[in-house]
Protein backbone atom coordinates (compact mmCIF):
# COMPACT_ATOMS: atom_id res chain seq x y z
CA MET A 1 -21.13 5.55 -12.51
CA ILE A 2 -18.24 4.29 -14.61
CA SER A 3 -17.46 0.59 -14.36
CA LEU A 4 -14.24 -0.53 -12.71
CA GLN A 5 -13.01 -2.09 -15.94
CA ASN A 6 -13.57 1.10 -17.91
CA LEU A 7 -11.92 3.17 -15.21
CA LEU A 8 -8.85 0.93 -15.22
CA THR A 9 -8.65 1.34 -18.99
CA ASP A 10 -8.68 5.11 -18.51
CA ILE A 11 -6.04 4.97 -15.76
CA ARG A 12 -3.68 2.82 -17.80
CA ALA A 13 -3.97 5.26 -20.70
CA CYS A 14 -3.32 8.26 -18.43
CA HIS A 15 -0.81 10.87 -19.60
CA GLN A 16 -1.62 13.48 -16.98
CA CYS A 17 2.07 13.65 -16.03
CA ALA A 18 3.66 13.60 -19.46
CA ASP A 19 6.88 15.12 -18.09
CA LEU A 20 7.82 12.05 -16.04
CA PRO A 21 11.48 11.08 -16.61
CA LEU A 22 10.66 7.59 -17.91
CA GLY A 23 7.27 8.55 -19.25
CA PRO A 24 3.87 7.48 -17.94
CA ARG A 25 3.34 3.80 -17.15
CA PRO A 26 0.61 3.40 -14.54
CA VAL A 27 1.07 0.26 -12.41
CA LEU A 28 -1.77 -0.95 -10.20
CA VAL A 29 -4.04 -3.92 -9.51
CA ALA A 30 -7.72 -3.41 -8.71
CA ASP A 31 -10.55 -5.91 -8.47
CA ALA A 32 -13.86 -5.40 -6.67
CA ARG A 33 -13.49 -8.83 -5.03
CA ALA A 34 -10.22 -8.03 -3.23
CA PRO A 35 -10.59 -7.93 0.58
CA ILE A 36 -7.19 -6.29 1.16
CA LEU A 37 -6.25 -2.86 -0.19
CA LEU A 38 -2.57 -2.02 -0.23
CA ILE A 39 -1.75 1.69 -0.58
CA GLY A 40 1.95 2.31 -1.09
CA GLN A 41 3.99 5.17 -2.55
CA ALA A 42 4.88 4.89 -6.24
CA PRO A 43 6.69 2.39 -8.47
CA GLY A 44 10.47 2.34 -8.61
CA THR A 45 12.50 1.76 -11.75
CA LYS A 46 12.30 -2.04 -11.57
CA VAL A 47 8.53 -1.96 -11.24
CA HIS A 48 8.29 0.60 -14.04
CA ALA A 49 10.29 -1.74 -16.27
CA SER A 50 8.32 -4.88 -15.39
CA GLY A 51 4.86 -3.36 -15.03
CA VAL A 52 4.36 -5.66 -12.03
CA PRO A 53 3.79 -3.91 -8.67
CA TRP A 54 6.25 -4.67 -5.86
CA SER A 55 8.42 -6.84 -8.15
CA ASP A 56 11.59 -5.77 -6.36
CA ALA A 57 13.42 -6.17 -3.04
CA SER A 58 10.80 -4.05 -1.27
CA GLY A 59 8.08 -6.37 -2.51
CA LYS A 60 9.93 -9.45 -1.30
CA ARG A 61 10.17 -8.02 2.21
CA LEU A 62 6.55 -6.86 2.12
CA ARG A 63 5.34 -10.35 1.26
CA GLN A 64 7.40 -11.69 4.16
CA TRP A 65 5.75 -9.16 6.46
CA LEU A 66 2.30 -10.19 5.23
CA GLY A 67 3.08 -13.91 5.42
CA VAL A 68 1.94 -14.60 1.84
CA ASP A 69 3.57 -16.08 -1.24
CA GLU A 70 3.74 -14.47 -4.67
CA ALA A 71 0.74 -16.38 -6.03
CA THR A 72 -1.44 -15.09 -3.20
CA PHE A 73 -0.06 -11.56 -3.35
CA TYR A 74 -0.63 -11.23 -7.09
CA ASP A 75 -4.12 -12.73 -7.04
CA PRO A 76 -6.32 -9.71 -7.87
CA ALA A 77 -9.24 -11.33 -6.05
CA ARG A 78 -7.19 -11.09 -2.84
CA PHE A 79 -5.06 -7.95 -3.02
CA ALA A 80 -5.85 -4.61 -4.61
CA ILE A 81 -2.59 -2.68 -5.08
CA VAL A 82 -3.27 1.04 -5.46
CA PRO A 83 -0.26 3.27 -4.77
CA MET A 84 -0.47 7.00 -4.13
CA GLY A 85 1.21 7.51 -7.49
CA PHE A 86 0.81 4.98 -10.30
CA CYS A 87 3.95 5.96 -12.23
CA TYR A 88 7.65 6.21 -11.43
CA PRO A 89 8.16 9.82 -10.26
CA GLY A 90 11.90 10.15 -10.87
CA LYS A 91 15.03 10.27 -8.76
CA GLY A 92 15.71 12.79 -6.01
CA LYS A 93 18.77 13.55 -3.90
CA SER A 94 18.14 10.75 -1.39
CA GLY A 95 16.05 8.24 -3.32
CA ASP A 96 12.96 8.36 -5.48
CA LEU A 97 10.90 11.52 -5.54
CA PRO A 98 7.52 11.59 -3.75
CA PRO A 99 4.48 10.28 -5.61
CA ARG A 100 3.02 12.84 -7.97
CA PRO A 101 -0.03 14.40 -6.25
CA GLU A 102 -2.00 14.67 -9.50
CA CYS A 103 -2.41 10.91 -9.59
CA ARG A 104 -4.11 10.48 -6.23
CA ALA A 105 -6.25 13.57 -6.71
CA LEU A 106 -7.46 12.46 -10.13
CA TRP A 107 -7.91 8.71 -9.73
CA HIS A 108 -8.28 7.63 -6.09
CA PRO A 109 -11.69 9.29 -5.55
CA GLN A 110 -13.03 7.44 -8.58
CA LEU A 111 -11.30 4.12 -7.94
CA LEU A 112 -11.57 3.40 -4.23
CA PRO A 113 -15.40 3.49 -4.04
CA LEU A 114 -15.47 0.73 -6.68
CA LEU A 115 -13.42 -1.63 -4.49
CA ALA A 116 -16.46 -2.89 -2.65
CA GLY A 117 -14.85 -6.00 -1.19
CA VAL A 118 -12.17 -4.26 0.89
CA LYS A 119 -12.08 -5.24 4.56
CA LEU A 120 -8.48 -4.40 5.45
CA VAL A 121 -6.36 -1.41 4.37
CA LEU A 122 -2.56 -1.42 4.55
CA ALA A 123 -1.18 2.15 4.56
CA ILE A 124 2.50 1.85 3.67
CA GLY A 125 4.81 4.80 4.14
CA GLN A 126 4.36 8.42 5.10
CA TYR A 127 2.49 9.59 2.00
CA ALA A 128 -0.34 7.07 2.29
CA GLN A 129 -0.56 7.65 6.03
CA ALA A 130 -0.52 11.44 5.75
CA PHE A 131 -3.44 11.47 3.34
CA TYR A 132 -5.59 8.57 4.47
CA LEU A 133 -5.20 9.01 8.24
CA GLY A 134 -5.57 12.77 8.15
CA ASP A 135 -5.64 14.28 11.63
CA ALA A 136 -5.39 10.80 13.16
CA ARG A 137 -1.78 10.56 11.98
CA LYS A 138 0.85 11.14 14.65
CA ALA A 139 3.81 13.54 14.52
CA ASP A 140 5.94 11.33 12.25
CA LEU A 141 6.04 7.87 10.71
CA THR A 142 7.64 6.20 13.71
CA ALA A 143 5.05 7.59 16.11
CA THR A 144 2.26 6.62 13.72
CA VAL A 145 3.48 3.04 13.39
CA GLN A 146 4.00 2.83 17.17
CA ALA A 147 0.33 3.74 17.52
CA TRP A 148 -0.75 0.98 15.13
CA ARG A 149 -3.33 -0.34 17.60
CA ASP A 150 -5.22 2.94 17.27
CA TYR A 151 -5.95 2.11 13.62
CA ALA A 152 -6.29 -1.68 13.77
CA PRO A 153 -8.02 -3.91 12.90
CA GLN A 154 -9.43 -2.16 9.80
CA THR A 155 -6.15 -0.39 8.96
CA PHE A 156 -2.53 -1.35 9.49
CA VAL A 157 0.14 1.34 9.21
CA LEU A 158 3.56 0.18 8.05
CA PRO A 159 6.92 1.69 7.20
CA HIS A 160 8.07 1.25 3.64
CA PRO A 161 9.78 -2.16 3.27
CA SER A 162 12.61 -0.70 1.17
CA PRO A 163 16.16 -1.88 1.90
CA ARG A 164 16.84 1.81 2.57
CA ASN A 165 14.81 1.41 5.76
CA GLN A 166 17.04 -1.29 7.22
CA LEU A 167 18.43 1.15 9.79
CA TRP A 168 14.89 2.09 10.89
CA LEU A 169 14.06 -1.58 11.41
CA LYS A 170 17.19 -2.07 13.51
CA ARG A 171 16.34 0.95 15.62
CA ASN A 172 12.75 -0.17 16.10
CA PRO A 173 12.81 -3.92 16.84
CA TRP A 174 9.33 -3.70 18.37
CA PHE A 175 7.93 -3.42 14.83
CA GLU A 176 8.85 -6.97 13.81
CA LEU A 177 8.14 -8.33 17.29
CA GLU A 178 4.73 -6.74 17.82
CA VAL A 179 3.26 -5.45 14.58
CA ILE A 180 4.22 -8.20 12.12
CA PRO A 181 2.59 -11.10 14.03
CA ALA A 182 -0.63 -9.10 14.42
CA LEU A 183 -0.52 -8.10 10.75
CA GLN A 184 0.02 -11.66 9.58
CA ALA A 185 -2.83 -12.92 11.76
CA GLN A 186 -5.19 -10.30 10.36
CA VAL A 187 -4.16 -10.93 6.74
CA ALA A 188 -4.66 -14.67 7.22
CA ALA A 189 -8.08 -14.14 8.79
CA VAL A 190 -9.27 -11.88 5.98
CA LEU A 191 -7.96 -14.17 3.25
CA THR A 192 -9.33 -17.31 4.88
CA ASN A 193 -12.66 -16.16 6.26
CA GLY A 194 -13.34 -12.93 4.40
CA THR A 195 -13.74 -11.07 7.68
CA LEU A 196 -11.53 -9.23 10.12
CA ALA A 197 -10.34 -11.23 13.11
CA SER A 198 -12.29 -10.55 16.25
CA SER A 199 -10.16 -7.84 17.77
CA ASN A 200 -9.44 -6.59 21.19
CA ILE A 201 -6.16 -5.74 19.43
CA SER A 202 -7.07 -2.05 19.25
CA CYS A 203 -7.49 -2.01 23.03
CA GLN A 204 -4.21 -3.69 23.85
CA LYS A 205 -1.48 -1.38 25.15
């Protein structure tokens, strides 16, 4: 089996999608020690430019949701950041295009088994949820996030923290009232103790 370091070298040299509008620039963080795996969508233009995942307004809100500071978030021994697409996919009519499917198909099956320390998975946005929840996903993102207890404590399902989703957050105040405190408690438990918090959370309705 290929080592994680060698695999990351291969990923960062990937030109599978040579037709990307800004060219390939894979952005991810992966370390076998990380207890939290964050699966998002794909980098935006700011992240493409910086090469630092979630270094934008979405990342600021995400860190607030998680209850962590930048030093903690960017510590590879704590968070593995593996989006569905590693490169900026380009602009569509109503925002960025979906993550390129070639990326997940090529790299995720090789990469995720090497992240042996993962205890908690954060599935952010419809693309991560559609693939990694499979038939357990509900009819749409709102229904899936409303059913978050069905997936906790090992997995938390979240909307994308983009400023574009401000209207969704206003329409769904239960998310910040119910899901965020439970998420922050679980993140703190994993980072502090290395284990999931003892949970009757999945049974609470």
